[in-house]
Amino acid sequence: MTGTELLILGAAASTAATFAAADGTKQVGRYNKQIADRNAKVAEQKAEMALFDASRNAVKFRNDFRGLNDASAMAMRKNNVAITGSALDVLLGNALNFEIDNENQRRQAAATASDYRENAVNERLRGQLAYYEAKQQARAMKIAAIGKFATTYGSV
């Protein structure tokens, strides 16, 4: 084999190796996108769980409050306090405070769920960007390899 043939053979091998490396780069980008998509699903599940937990806690809170308020009313009746005027104001104030607390908990759960959903969107975007960057890097590697091969072949 002549020196020219070896030079061309080496350039071809180098080009093939660069193409393989470019494909590997693209696969890494695809893998990173899959991980980001999985992380996005986890964040969406956390959002759903935050809302579910808030609903479950609201039911428990309502039951606990009902028992407490009933006990307060019963204690007032036992002590011959009429459920009017100040006593009624106390019970109504308790109910109002309960509703305010309950709505605050729901609002907090909605905000938490929104944060998780935003994280999910960001994860998906991060994955798409990683995959896009890997594809662009692979394309640049292939173009550079072709250019190097053409330069080597042209110098022969």
Protein backbone atom coordinates (compact mmCIF):
# COMPACT_ATOMS: atom_id res chain seq x y z
CA MET A 1 0.00 0.00 0.00
CA THR A 2 1.30 3.41 -0.90
CA GLY A 3 1.53 6.40 1.39
CA THR A 4 -1.35 8.08 -0.43
CA GLU A 5 -3.60 5.07 0.06
CA LEU A 6 -2.70 4.93 3.74
CA LEU A 7 -3.43 8.61 4.10
CA ILE A 8 -6.87 8.20 2.50
CA LEU A 9 -7.56 5.08 4.54
CA GLY A 10 -6.61 6.91 7.75
CA ALA A 11 -8.81 9.87 6.84
CA ALA A 12 -11.72 7.52 6.12
CA ALA A 13 -11.23 5.72 9.43
CA SER A 14 -11.03 9.04 11.27
CA THR A 15 -14.23 10.20 9.57
CA ALA A 16 -16.03 6.97 10.49
CA ALA A 17 -14.86 7.25 14.12
CA THR A 18 -16.03 10.85 14.31
CA PHE A 19 -19.43 9.84 12.91
CA ALA A 20 -19.69 7.12 15.57
CA ALA A 21 -18.73 9.62 18.28
CA ALA A 22 -21.36 12.03 16.92
CA ASP A 23 -23.99 9.32 17.13
CA GLY A 24 -22.91 8.65 20.72
CA THR A 25 -23.25 12.34 21.54
CA LYS A 26 -26.76 12.30 20.11
CA GLN A 27 -27.65 9.22 22.18
CA VAL A 28 -26.43 10.95 25.35
CA GLY A 29 -28.66 13.92 24.52
CA ARG A 30 -31.62 11.60 23.95
CA TYR A 31 -30.92 9.88 27.28
CA ASN A 32 -30.73 13.23 29.10
CA LYS A 33 -34.06 14.16 27.55
CA GLN A 34 -35.59 10.91 28.80
CA ILE A 35 -34.33 11.63 32.32
CA ALA A 36 -35.76 15.16 32.18
CA ASP A 37 -39.11 13.79 30.94
CA ARG A 38 -39.14 11.33 33.84
CA ASN A 39 -38.35 14.13 36.30
CA ALA A 40 -41.20 16.14 34.78
CA LYS A 41 -43.62 13.25 35.38
CA VAL A 42 -42.45 13.01 38.99
CA ALA A 43 -43.06 16.74 39.46
CA GLU A 44 -46.56 16.41 37.97
CA GLN A 45 -47.29 13.51 40.32
CA LYS A 46 -46.12 15.65 43.25
CA ALA A 47 -48.51 18.39 42.13
CA GLU A 48 -51.41 15.93 42.09
CA MET A 49 -50.39 14.57 45.50
CA ALA A 50 -50.24 18.09 46.97
CA LEU A 51 -53.82 18.72 45.85
CA PHE A 52 -54.97 15.29 47.00
CA ASP A 53 -53.34 15.74 50.41
CA ALA A 54 -54.96 19.15 50.77
CA SER A 55 -58.39 17.68 50.02
CA ARG A 56 -57.85 14.83 52.45
CA ASN A 57 -56.59 17.21 55.13
CA ALA A 58 -59.57 19.52 54.56
CA VAL A 59 -61.96 16.66 55.26
CA LYS A 60 -60.07 15.71 58.43
CA PHE A 61 -59.83 19.33 59.51
CA ARG A 62 -63.59 19.80 58.95
CA ASN A 63 -64.40 16.71 61.01
CA ASP A 64 -62.04 17.78 63.78
CA PHE A 65 -63.50 21.27 63.79
CA ARG A 66 -67.07 19.98 63.86
CA GLY A 67 -66.25 17.88 66.92
CA LEU A 68 -64.54 20.81 68.64
CA ASN A 69 -67.33 23.26 67.87
CA ASP A 70 -69.99 20.74 68.95
CA ALA A 71 -68.09 20.21 72.21
CA SER A 72 -67.94 23.99 72.74
CA ALA A 73 -71.68 24.33 72.14
CA MET A 74 -72.39 21.40 74.46
CA ALA A 75 -70.22 22.92 77.20
CA MET A 76 -72.10 26.19 76.83
CA ARG A 77 -75.46 24.42 77.14
CA LYS A 78 -74.26 22.44 80.18
CA ASN A 79 -73.35 25.69 81.86
CA ASN A 80 -76.77 27.12 81.00
CA VAL A 81 -75.29 29.59 78.54
CA ALA A 82 -77.78 30.42 75.84
CA ILE A 83 -76.42 29.97 72.33
CA THR A 84 -77.17 33.58 71.51
CA GLY A 85 -75.29 36.84 71.74
CA SER A 86 -71.64 36.39 72.82
CA ALA A 87 -71.83 32.59 72.88
CA LEU A 88 -73.16 32.52 69.32
CA ASP A 89 -70.50 35.03 68.32
CA VAL A 90 -67.84 32.67 69.70
CA LEU A 91 -69.19 29.71 67.73
CA LEU A 92 -69.60 31.77 64.56
CA GLY A 93 -66.11 33.22 65.03
CA ASN A 94 -64.75 29.69 65.34
CA ALA A 95 -66.54 28.70 62.13
CA LEU A 96 -65.24 31.77 60.31
CA ASN A 97 -61.67 31.11 61.48
CA PHE A 98 -62.05 27.51 60.36
CA GLU A 99 -63.13 28.58 56.87
CA ILE A 100 -60.27 31.07 56.64
CA ASP A 101 -57.73 28.43 57.72
CA ASN A 102 -59.23 25.88 55.36
CA GLU A 103 -59.06 28.26 52.38
CA ASN A 104 -55.49 29.22 53.28
CA GLN A 105 -54.51 25.55 53.26
CA ARG A 106 -56.18 25.04 49.87
CA ARG A 107 -54.47 28.12 48.47
CA GLN A 108 -51.12 26.90 49.77
CA ALA A 109 -51.69 23.48 48.21
CA ALA A 110 -52.62 25.11 44.90
CA ALA A 111 -49.45 27.22 45.02
CA THR A 112 -47.35 24.15 45.79
CA ALA A 113 -48.99 22.24 42.94
CA SER A 114 -48.33 25.17 40.62
CA ASP A 115 -44.65 25.17 41.62
CA TYR A 116 -44.41 21.44 40.88
CA ARG A 117 -46.09 21.92 37.49
CA GLU A 118 -43.69 24.73 36.67
CA ASN A 119 -40.79 22.44 37.60
CA ALA A 120 -42.26 19.82 35.25
CA VAL A 121 -42.33 22.31 32.37
CA ASN A 122 -38.78 23.42 33.15
CA GLU A 123 -37.57 19.81 33.22
CA ARG A 124 -39.14 19.12 29.83
CA LEU A 125 -37.55 22.25 28.39
CA ARG A 126 -34.20 21.31 29.89
CA GLY A 127 -34.46 17.88 28.28
CA GLN A 128 -35.44 19.29 24.90
CA LEU A 129 -32.55 21.74 25.06
CA ALA A 130 -30.07 19.00 26.00
CA TYR A 131 -31.26 16.86 23.10
CA TYR A 132 -31.15 19.81 20.67
CA GLU A 133 -27.62 20.74 21.79
CA ALA A 134 -26.47 17.14 21.41
CA LYS A 135 -27.94 16.94 17.90
CA GLN A 136 -26.24 20.19 16.93
CA GLN A 137 -22.93 19.04 18.37
CA ALA A 138 -23.24 15.74 16.49
CA ARG A 139 -24.01 17.60 13.26
CA ALA A 140 -20.99 19.87 13.76
CA MET A 141 -18.77 16.86 14.43
CA LYS A 142 -19.92 15.19 11.21
CA ILE A 143 -19.44 18.34 9.15
CA ALA A 144 -15.95 18.81 10.60
CA ALA A 145 -15.11 15.18 9.83
CA ILE A 146 -16.25 15.54 6.23
CA GLY A 147 -14.26 18.74 5.90
CA LYS A 148 -11.16 17.10 7.31
CA PHE A 149 -11.59 14.12 5.00
CA ALA A 150 -12.04 16.42 1.98
CA THR A 151 -8.97 18.43 2.94
CA THR A 152 -6.91 15.28 3.39
CA TYR A 153 -8.18 13.80 0.13
CA GLY A 154 -7.58 17.08 -1.69
CA SER A 155 -3.97 17.26 -0.49
CA VAL A 156 -3.18 13.86 -1.98
